[in-house]
C-alpha cells in the first residue's frame, strides 16, 4: 500500500506535483485504511489528500539541502537491490 511514499527531498530535478500527490494519496490511504473511500467519505478523503499535498510542497520548499542532489536512477537501483536482498 505504501509503494509511492518515497523520499522526495533533494533530487535534481525536484519532485514533481504528480510525485507529491501520489505520495500524499498513499499516506492518506494508509492512515484511513481505505484504498477507495465510500461516497460519504469521498470529500473528507480528497480534502485530506489536498492538505497533505500542500504541507508536503511547503516542507520540500523550505528544507535546506547539504551535499549534491540525489540521482533518481541511482536511488531506483538501490531500491531494486534492497528488494533482491529481502527476497533471499
Protein backbone atom coordinates (compact mmCIF):
# COMPACT_ATOMS: atom_id res chain seq x y z
CA UNK A 1 0.00 0.00 0.00
CA UNK A 2 2.90 2.42 0.60
CA UNK A 3 4.94 1.93 -2.57
CA UNK A 4 4.53 5.54 -3.69
CA UNK A 5 5.64 7.05 -0.41
CA UNK A 6 9.18 7.91 -1.36
CA UNK A 7 11.88 10.32 -0.39
CA UNK A 8 11.14 13.44 -2.40
CA UNK A 9 13.67 15.86 -0.94
CA UNK A 10 16.89 16.94 -2.67
CA UNK A 11 16.58 15.49 -6.15
CA UNK A 12 17.62 17.07 -9.41
CA UNK A 13 15.16 17.74 -10.98
CA UNK A 14 12.94 18.43 -7.94
CA UNK A 15 9.89 16.31 -7.12
CA UNK A 16 7.00 16.91 -9.48
CA UNK A 17 3.47 17.77 -8.34
CA UNK A 18 2.40 14.31 -9.55
CA UNK A 19 5.02 12.62 -7.33
CA UNK A 20 3.93 14.70 -4.34
CA UNK A 21 0.26 13.88 -4.96
CA UNK A 22 0.95 10.14 -5.36
CA UNK A 23 2.79 10.08 -2.05
CA UNK A 24 0.06 12.10 -0.33
CA UNK A 25 -2.62 9.76 -1.66
CA UNK A 26 -0.76 6.68 -0.37
CA UNK A 27 -0.26 8.36 3.00
CA UNK A 28 -3.97 9.15 3.39
CA UNK A 29 -4.88 5.64 2.21
CA UNK A 30 -2.58 4.15 4.83
CA UNK A 31 -3.91 6.34 7.64
CA UNK A 32 -7.55 5.82 6.76
CA UNK A 33 -7.24 2.12 5.99
CA UNK A 34 -9.18 2.71 2.76
CA UNK A 35 -7.97 2.25 -0.76
CA UNK A 36 -11.12 3.85 -2.14
CA UNK A 37 -13.41 5.80 0.21
CA UNK A 38 -17.18 5.48 0.10
CA UNK A 39 -19.19 8.31 -1.45
CA UNK A 40 -19.99 9.52 2.06
CA UNK A 41 -16.27 9.82 2.84
CA UNK A 42 -15.02 10.97 -0.56
CA UNK A 43 -14.97 14.70 0.20
CA UNK A 44 -13.13 14.25 3.51
CA UNK A 45 -10.65 11.88 1.86
CA UNK A 46 -9.90 14.29 -1.01
CA UNK A 47 -9.63 17.23 1.40
CA UNK A 48 -7.07 15.28 3.44
CA UNK A 49 -5.06 14.43 0.33
CA UNK A 50 -5.01 18.08 -0.75
CA UNK A 51 -3.87 19.23 2.70
CA UNK A 52 -1.06 16.66 2.72
CA UNK A 53 -0.04 17.79 -0.79
CA UNK A 54 0.10 21.41 0.41
CA UNK A 55 2.05 20.56 3.57
CA UNK A 56 4.49 18.40 1.61
CA UNK A 57 5.11 21.06 -1.03
CA UNK A 58 5.71 23.63 1.70
CA UNK A 59 8.09 21.30 3.53
CA UNK A 60 10.07 20.46 0.41
CA UNK A 61 10.27 24.15 -0.46
CA UNK A 62 11.75 25.12 2.89
CA UNK A 63 14.14 22.26 3.69
CA UNK A 64 17.83 23.04 3.34
CA UNK A 65 19.92 20.58 1.38
CA UNK A 66 23.51 19.64 2.11
CA UNK A 67 25.66 17.85 -0.41
CA UNK A 68 24.98 17.06 -4.03
CA UNK A 69 21.42 16.34 -5.18
CA UNK A 70 20.32 12.72 -5.40
CA UNK A 71 20.00 10.96 -8.72
CA UNK A 72 16.67 9.19 -9.35
CA UNK A 73 18.26 6.35 -11.31
CA UNK A 74 20.85 5.65 -8.62
CA UNK A 75 18.14 5.65 -5.94
CA UNK A 76 15.99 3.34 -8.09
CA UNK A 77 18.86 0.86 -8.47
CA UNK A 78 19.47 0.91 -4.71
CA UNK A 79 15.78 0.13 -4.12
CA UNK A 80 15.93 -2.77 -6.56
CA UNK A 81 18.98 -4.17 -4.80
CA UNK A 82 17.25 -3.88 -1.40
CA UNK A 83 14.27 -5.76 -2.82
CA UNK A 84 16.51 -8.53 -4.18
CA UNK A 85 18.26 -8.83 -0.81
CA UNK A 86 14.91 -9.10 1.01
CA UNK A 87 13.82 -12.00 -1.19
CA UNK A 88 16.84 -14.08 -0.25
